[in-house]
Amino acid sequence: MKFHVPDMSCNHCVASITKAIREVSSDAHVVCDLHERIVEVLNLVEKSPQEIIAVLDEVGYEATLIEAQA
């Protein structure tokens, strides 16, 4: 899954986002592109895009789904 996270602007943001996602899915692999403000989540098991958006919202980051897993 790929998300646009417009408020992600620094490595602290990356760390907070990664930690939040890994707390709900410990096997998730999180790749953040600061320049494009894109968060890609791989190996996500049994979590919907809406659940990830809610998790990011809880830690203060608005996110929009760009691409769901095929």
N, C-alpha and C. Protein backbone atom coordinates (compact mmCIF):
# COMPACT_ATOMS: atom_id res chain seq x y z
N MET A 1 0.84 -1.18 0.00
CA MET A 1 0.00 0.00 0.00
C MET A 1 0.88 1.24 0.00
N LYS A 2 0.43 2.25 -0.70
CA LYS A 2 1.15 3.52 -0.71
C LYS A 2 0.20 4.62 -0.26
N PHE A 3 0.75 5.50 0.55
CA PHE A 3 -0.03 6.62 1.09
C PHE A 3 0.70 7.92 0.84
N HIS A 4 -0.04 8.99 0.59
CA HIS A 4 0.53 10.33 0.54
C HIS A 4 0.34 10.93 1.94
N VAL A 5 1.44 11.38 2.52
CA VAL A 5 1.41 11.97 3.88
C VAL A 5 2.03 13.36 3.77
N PRO A 6 1.21 14.39 3.47
CA PRO A 6 1.74 15.72 3.17
C PRO A 6 2.51 16.38 4.31
N ASP A 7 2.23 16.02 5.55
CA ASP A 7 2.92 16.66 6.68
C ASP A 7 4.22 15.96 7.07
N MET A 8 4.60 14.91 6.39
CA MET A 8 5.86 14.21 6.68
C MET A 8 7.00 15.04 6.10
N SER A 9 7.84 15.60 6.99
CA SER A 9 8.84 16.54 6.50
C SER A 9 10.26 16.30 7.01
N CYS A 10 10.43 15.35 7.93
CA CYS A 10 11.77 15.14 8.49
C CYS A 10 11.94 13.70 8.97
N ASN A 11 13.13 13.37 9.40
CA ASN A 11 13.39 12.01 9.87
C ASN A 11 12.63 11.67 11.15
N HIS A 12 12.31 12.66 11.95
CA HIS A 12 11.48 12.41 13.14
C HIS A 12 10.09 11.94 12.70
N CYS A 13 9.55 12.57 11.67
CA CYS A 13 8.26 12.14 11.12
C CYS A 13 8.34 10.70 10.63
N VAL A 14 9.39 10.38 9.90
CA VAL A 14 9.59 9.02 9.39
C VAL A 14 9.61 8.02 10.55
N ALA A 15 10.35 8.34 11.60
CA ALA A 15 10.44 7.44 12.75
C ALA A 15 9.09 7.27 13.43
N SER A 16 8.34 8.35 13.60
CA SER A 16 7.03 8.28 14.24
C SER A 16 6.05 7.45 13.42
N ILE A 17 6.05 7.66 12.12
CA ILE A 17 5.15 6.93 11.22
C ILE A 17 5.51 5.45 11.20
N THR A 18 6.79 5.16 11.08
CA THR A 18 7.24 3.77 11.06
C THR A 18 6.87 3.06 12.35
N LYS A 19 7.12 3.70 13.47
CA LYS A 19 6.81 3.10 14.77
C LYS A 19 5.32 2.83 14.91
N ALA A 20 4.49 3.78 14.51
CA ALA A 20 3.04 3.63 14.64
C ALA A 20 2.53 2.45 13.80
N ILE A 21 3.02 2.33 12.58
CA ILE A 21 2.58 1.23 11.72
C ILE A 21 3.08 -0.11 12.25
N ARG A 22 4.32 -0.15 12.70
CA ARG A 22 4.88 -1.41 13.20
C ARG A 22 4.23 -1.84 14.51
N GLU A 23 3.64 -0.92 15.25
CA GLU A 23 2.93 -1.28 16.48
C GLU A 23 1.64 -2.06 16.18
N VAL A 24 1.03 -1.81 15.04
CA VAL A 24 -0.19 -2.54 14.68
C VAL A 24 0.08 -3.74 13.78
N SER A 25 1.28 -3.78 13.17
CA SER A 25 1.66 -4.90 12.33
C SER A 25 3.18 -5.03 12.38
N SER A 26 3.66 -5.86 13.31
CA SER A 26 5.11 -5.95 13.56
C SER A 26 5.91 -6.47 12.37
N ASP A 27 5.26 -7.17 11.43
CA ASP A 27 5.97 -7.68 10.25
C ASP A 27 6.00 -6.69 9.09
N ALA A 28 5.33 -5.56 9.25
CA ALA A 28 5.26 -4.59 8.17
C ALA A 28 6.64 -4.01 7.88
N HIS A 29 6.89 -3.81 6.59
CA HIS A 29 8.11 -3.13 6.15
C HIS A 29 7.67 -1.76 5.65
N VAL A 30 8.18 -0.71 6.27
CA VAL A 30 7.75 0.66 5.97
C VAL A 30 8.87 1.39 5.25
N VAL A 31 8.55 1.94 4.09
CA VAL A 31 9.52 2.70 3.29
C VAL A 31 8.95 4.10 3.12
N CYS A 32 9.70 5.09 3.57
CA CYS A 32 9.25 6.48 3.49
C CYS A 32 10.11 7.26 2.50
N ASP A 33 9.46 8.01 1.63
CA ASP A 33 10.14 8.91 0.69
C ASP A 33 9.81 10.33 1.12
N LEU A 34 10.75 10.95 1.82
CA LEU A 34 10.52 12.31 2.33
C LEU A 34 10.29 13.32 1.21
N HIS A 35 11.04 13.20 0.13
CA HIS A 35 10.94 14.16 -0.96
C HIS A 35 9.54 14.16 -1.58
N GLU A 36 9.00 12.97 -1.81
CA GLU A 36 7.67 12.84 -2.41
C GLU A 36 6.55 12.78 -1.38
N ARG A 37 6.94 12.63 -0.10
CA ARG A 37 5.99 12.50 1.01
C ARG A 37 5.08 11.28 0.82
N ILE A 38 5.73 10.17 0.47
CA ILE A 38 5.04 8.91 0.23
C ILE A 38 5.49 7.89 1.27
N VAL A 39 4.53 7.15 1.81
CA VAL A 39 4.82 6.05 2.72
C VAL A 39 4.32 4.78 2.05
N GLU A 40 5.23 3.82 1.86
CA GLU A 40 4.86 2.53 1.29
C GLU A 40 4.95 1.50 2.39
N VAL A 41 3.90 0.70 2.52
CA VAL A 41 3.86 -0.33 3.56
C VAL A 41 3.77 -1.69 2.86
N LEU A 42 4.77 -2.52 3.12
CA LEU A 42 4.84 -3.85 2.53
C LEU A 42 4.70 -4.91 3.62
N ASN A 43 4.33 -6.11 3.21
CA ASN A 43 4.16 -7.24 4.14
C ASN A 43 3.14 -6.94 5.23
N LEU A 44 2.14 -6.19 4.88
CA LEU A 44 1.10 -5.84 5.84
C LEU A 44 0.04 -6.94 5.84
N VAL A 45 -0.14 -7.59 6.97
CA VAL A 45 -1.06 -8.71 7.06
C VAL A 45 -2.33 -8.29 7.82
N GLU A 46 -3.46 -8.55 7.19
CA GLU A 46 -4.77 -8.37 7.83
C GLU A 46 -5.05 -6.94 8.30
N LYS A 47 -4.55 -5.97 7.60
CA LYS A 47 -4.86 -4.57 7.91
C LYS A 47 -5.34 -3.89 6.63
N SER A 48 -6.41 -3.15 6.75
CA SER A 48 -6.95 -2.44 5.59
C SER A 48 -6.28 -1.07 5.46
N PRO A 49 -6.38 -0.46 4.28
CA PRO A 49 -5.85 0.91 4.14
C PRO A 49 -6.47 1.87 5.15
N GLN A 50 -7.77 1.69 5.42
CA GLN A 50 -8.45 2.57 6.36
C GLN A 50 -7.88 2.44 7.77
N GLU A 51 -7.47 1.23 8.14
CA GLU A 51 -6.88 1.03 9.47
C GLU A 51 -5.53 1.74 9.57
N ILE A 52 -4.75 1.70 8.50
CA ILE A 52 -3.45 2.39 8.51
C ILE A 52 -3.65 3.90 8.53
N ILE A 53 -4.61 4.39 7.76
CA ILE A 53 -4.92 5.83 7.77
C ILE A 53 -5.33 6.26 9.18
N ALA A 54 -6.12 5.44 9.86
CA ALA A 54 -6.54 5.76 11.24
C ALA A 54 -5.36 5.78 12.19
N VAL A 55 -4.43 4.84 12.04
CA VAL A 55 -3.23 4.78 12.89
C VAL A 55 -2.39 6.04 12.68
N LEU A 56 -2.21 6.44 11.43
CA LEU A 56 -1.42 7.64 11.15
C LEU A 56 -2.13 8.89 11.69
N ASP A 57 -3.43 8.92 11.58
CA ASP A 57 -4.20 10.05 12.11
C ASP A 57 -4.02 10.16 13.63
N GLU A 58 -3.98 9.02 14.31
CA GLU A 58 -3.80 9.01 15.76
C GLU A 58 -2.48 9.64 16.19
N VAL A 59 -1.43 9.51 15.34
CA VAL A 59 -0.14 10.09 15.69
C VAL A 59 0.09 11.45 15.02
N GLY A 60 -0.98 11.99 14.41
CA GLY A 60 -0.94 13.36 13.92
C GLY A 60 -0.59 13.55 12.46
N TYR A 61 -0.74 12.50 11.64
CA TYR A 61 -0.41 12.61 10.22
C TYR A 61 -1.62 12.24 9.37
N GLU A 62 -2.07 13.19 8.59
CA GLU A 62 -3.15 12.92 7.65
C GLU A 62 -2.58 12.15 6.48
N ALA A 63 -3.25 11.09 6.07
CA ALA A 63 -2.77 10.27 4.97
C ALA A 63 -3.89 9.98 4.00
N THR A 64 -3.51 9.83 2.73
CA THR A 64 -4.46 9.49 1.67
C THR A 64 -3.90 8.28 0.93
N LEU A 65 -4.75 7.30 0.71
CA LEU A 65 -4.34 6.11 -0.02
C LEU A 65 -4.07 6.47 -1.48
N ILE A 66 -2.89 6.06 -1.98
CA ILE A 66 -2.55 6.26 -3.37
C ILE A 66 -2.73 4.96 -4.14
N GLU A 67 -2.27 3.88 -3.53
CA GLU A 67 -2.28 2.59 -4.22
C GLU A 67 -2.45 1.47 -3.21
N ALA A 68 -3.43 0.62 -3.44
CA ALA A 68 -3.65 -0.54 -2.57
C ALA A 68 -2.83 -1.71 -3.11
N GLN A 69 -2.66 -2.73 -2.29
CA GLN A 69 -1.94 -3.91 -2.73
C GLN A 69 -2.74 -4.63 -3.78
N ALA A 70 -2.02 -5.16 -4.75
CA ALA A 70 -2.67 -5.90 -5.84
C ALA A 70 -3.05 -7.30 -5.38
